Amino acid sequence: MPGRSGAAQLVAAGEADIALLARVRAGDAAAFRALIDRHLKSVVAIARRMLRDDAEADDVAQEAMLRLWRSAATLELGEGGARPWLRRVASNLCIDRIRAGAREHVTDEVP
């Protein structure tokens, strides 16, 4: 989006996500694919930074996208579009996995 400020680009991206989500609500699989294409890379990057495991990061990203699909009917996106919501979902999923791993580690050490 040449010629636009960073804030204007974010608003335009958010508006595009809102339009895509409306199409997803109507059952448009191509619109969902477009949302995936727009956001998958950043969701995987967040998960990789948090988990330091490519396979786990891919699983988290897949789960985050699945939750987007399942929540499409009731999800209300703000000005930032799907990105903030997906970031939060991915972060929470990563935290859950980290906590689960810590519990398993402690359980393994108890005699």
Protein backbone atom coordinates (compact mmCIF):
# COMPACT_ATOMS: atom_id res chain seq x y z
CA MET A 1 0.00 0.00 0.00
CA PRO A 2 2.37 2.68 -1.19
CA GLY A 3 1.76 6.23 -0.08
CA ARG A 4 -0.04 5.27 3.13
CA SER A 5 1.23 5.74 6.65
CA GLY A 6 1.84 2.72 8.84
CA ALA A 7 -1.34 3.39 10.81
CA ALA A 8 -3.39 3.71 7.64
CA GLN A 9 -1.96 0.43 6.36
CA LEU A 10 -2.91 -1.33 9.60
CA VAL A 11 -6.45 0.03 9.43
CA ALA A 12 -6.75 -1.05 5.79
CA ALA A 13 -5.44 -4.52 6.68
CA GLY A 14 -7.93 -4.72 9.53
CA GLU A 15 -10.77 -3.73 7.24
CA ALA A 16 -9.69 -6.38 4.74
CA ASP A 17 -9.67 -9.00 7.51
CA ILE A 18 -13.14 -7.94 8.63
CA ALA A 19 -14.42 -8.32 5.08
CA LEU A 20 -12.77 -11.72 4.74
CA LEU A 21 -14.22 -12.87 8.06
CA ALA A 22 -17.71 -11.88 6.88
CA ARG A 23 -17.18 -14.09 3.85
CA VAL A 24 -15.91 -16.93 6.08
CA ARG A 25 -19.13 -16.65 8.11
CA ALA A 26 -21.00 -17.27 4.86
CA GLY A 27 -18.98 -20.45 4.30
CA ASP A 28 -16.43 -19.07 1.83
CA ALA A 29 -13.42 -21.37 2.09
CA ALA A 30 -11.37 -19.15 -0.24
CA ALA A 31 -11.79 -16.25 2.18
CA PHE A 32 -10.53 -18.43 5.02
CA ARG A 33 -7.56 -19.45 2.88
CA ALA A 34 -6.86 -15.75 2.28
CA LEU A 35 -6.85 -15.12 6.05
CA ILE A 36 -4.46 -18.03 6.50
CA ASP A 37 -2.19 -16.68 3.77
CA ARG A 38 -2.20 -13.25 5.42
CA HIS A 39 -1.45 -14.40 8.98
CA LEU A 40 0.06 -17.89 9.16
CA LYS A 41 3.68 -16.78 8.84
CA SER A 42 3.46 -14.35 11.77
CA VAL A 43 1.58 -16.86 13.97
CA VAL A 44 4.24 -19.51 13.32
CA ALA A 45 6.97 -16.95 14.08
CA ILE A 46 5.41 -16.10 17.45
CA ALA A 47 5.08 -19.77 18.34
CA ARG A 48 8.67 -20.55 17.29
CA ARG A 49 10.00 -17.73 19.44
CA MET A 50 8.03 -18.91 22.45
CA LEU A 51 8.46 -22.68 22.08
CA ARG A 52 11.80 -22.98 20.28
CA ASP A 53 10.48 -26.03 18.48
CA ASP A 54 9.42 -25.92 14.83
CA ALA A 55 7.03 -28.88 15.01
CA GLU A 56 5.31 -27.55 18.14
CA ALA A 57 5.10 -24.10 16.55
CA ASP A 58 3.44 -25.53 13.47
CA ASP A 59 0.93 -27.38 15.68
CA VAL A 60 0.12 -24.19 17.59
CA ALA A 61 -0.33 -22.23 14.37
CA GLN A 62 -2.65 -24.90 12.99
CA GLU A 63 -4.70 -24.87 16.20
CA ALA A 64 -4.90 -21.05 16.17
CA MET A 65 -6.21 -21.10 12.61
CA LEU A 66 -8.70 -23.83 13.48
CA ARG A 67 -9.96 -21.66 16.34
CA LEU A 68 -10.35 -18.76 13.94
CA TRP A 69 -12.49 -20.97 11.69
CA ARG A 70 -14.59 -22.20 14.62
CA SER A 71 -15.01 -18.69 16.08
CA ALA A 72 -15.80 -16.95 12.80
CA ALA A 73 -19.55 -16.85 13.44
CA THR A 74 -19.21 -14.91 16.69
CA LEU A 75 -15.82 -13.22 16.45
CA GLU A 76 -15.82 -9.44 16.27
CA LEU A 77 -12.56 -8.08 14.98
CA GLY A 78 -11.36 -4.64 15.94
CA GLU A 79 -9.51 -2.08 13.89
CA GLY A 80 -6.40 -4.29 13.82
CA GLY A 81 -8.23 -7.14 12.12
CA ALA A 82 -7.42 -10.78 12.87
CA ARG A 83 -3.77 -10.22 13.74
CA PRO A 84 -4.16 -9.22 17.42
CA TRP A 85 -6.69 -11.97 18.05
CA LEU A 86 -4.49 -14.61 16.41
CA ARG A 87 -1.42 -13.37 18.29
CA ARG A 88 -3.25 -13.71 21.60
CA VAL A 89 -4.61 -17.16 20.77
CA ALA A 90 -1.18 -18.39 19.65
CA SER A 91 0.51 -16.95 22.73
CA ASN A 92 -2.03 -18.59 25.03
CA LEU A 93 -1.63 -21.93 23.27
CA CYS A 94 2.15 -21.66 23.64
CA ILE A 95 1.86 -20.82 27.34
CA ASP A 96 -0.41 -23.83 27.81
CA ARG A 97 2.16 -26.10 26.14
CA ILE A 98 5.02 -24.64 28.17
CA ARG A 99 3.07 -25.17 31.39
CA ALA A 100 2.14 -28.71 30.39
CA GLY A 101 5.78 -29.47 29.67
CA ALA A 102 6.83 -28.08 33.04
CA ARG A 103 4.26 -30.26 34.81
CA GLU A 104 5.48 -33.35 32.94
CA HIS A 105 9.07 -32.52 33.85
CA VAL A 106 8.25 -32.19 37.54
CA THR A 107 6.21 -35.42 37.49
CA ASP A 108 9.11 -37.28 35.88
CA GLU A 109 11.46 -36.20 38.66
CA VAL A 110 9.26 -37.17 41.59
CA PRO A 111 10.25 -40.61 42.93
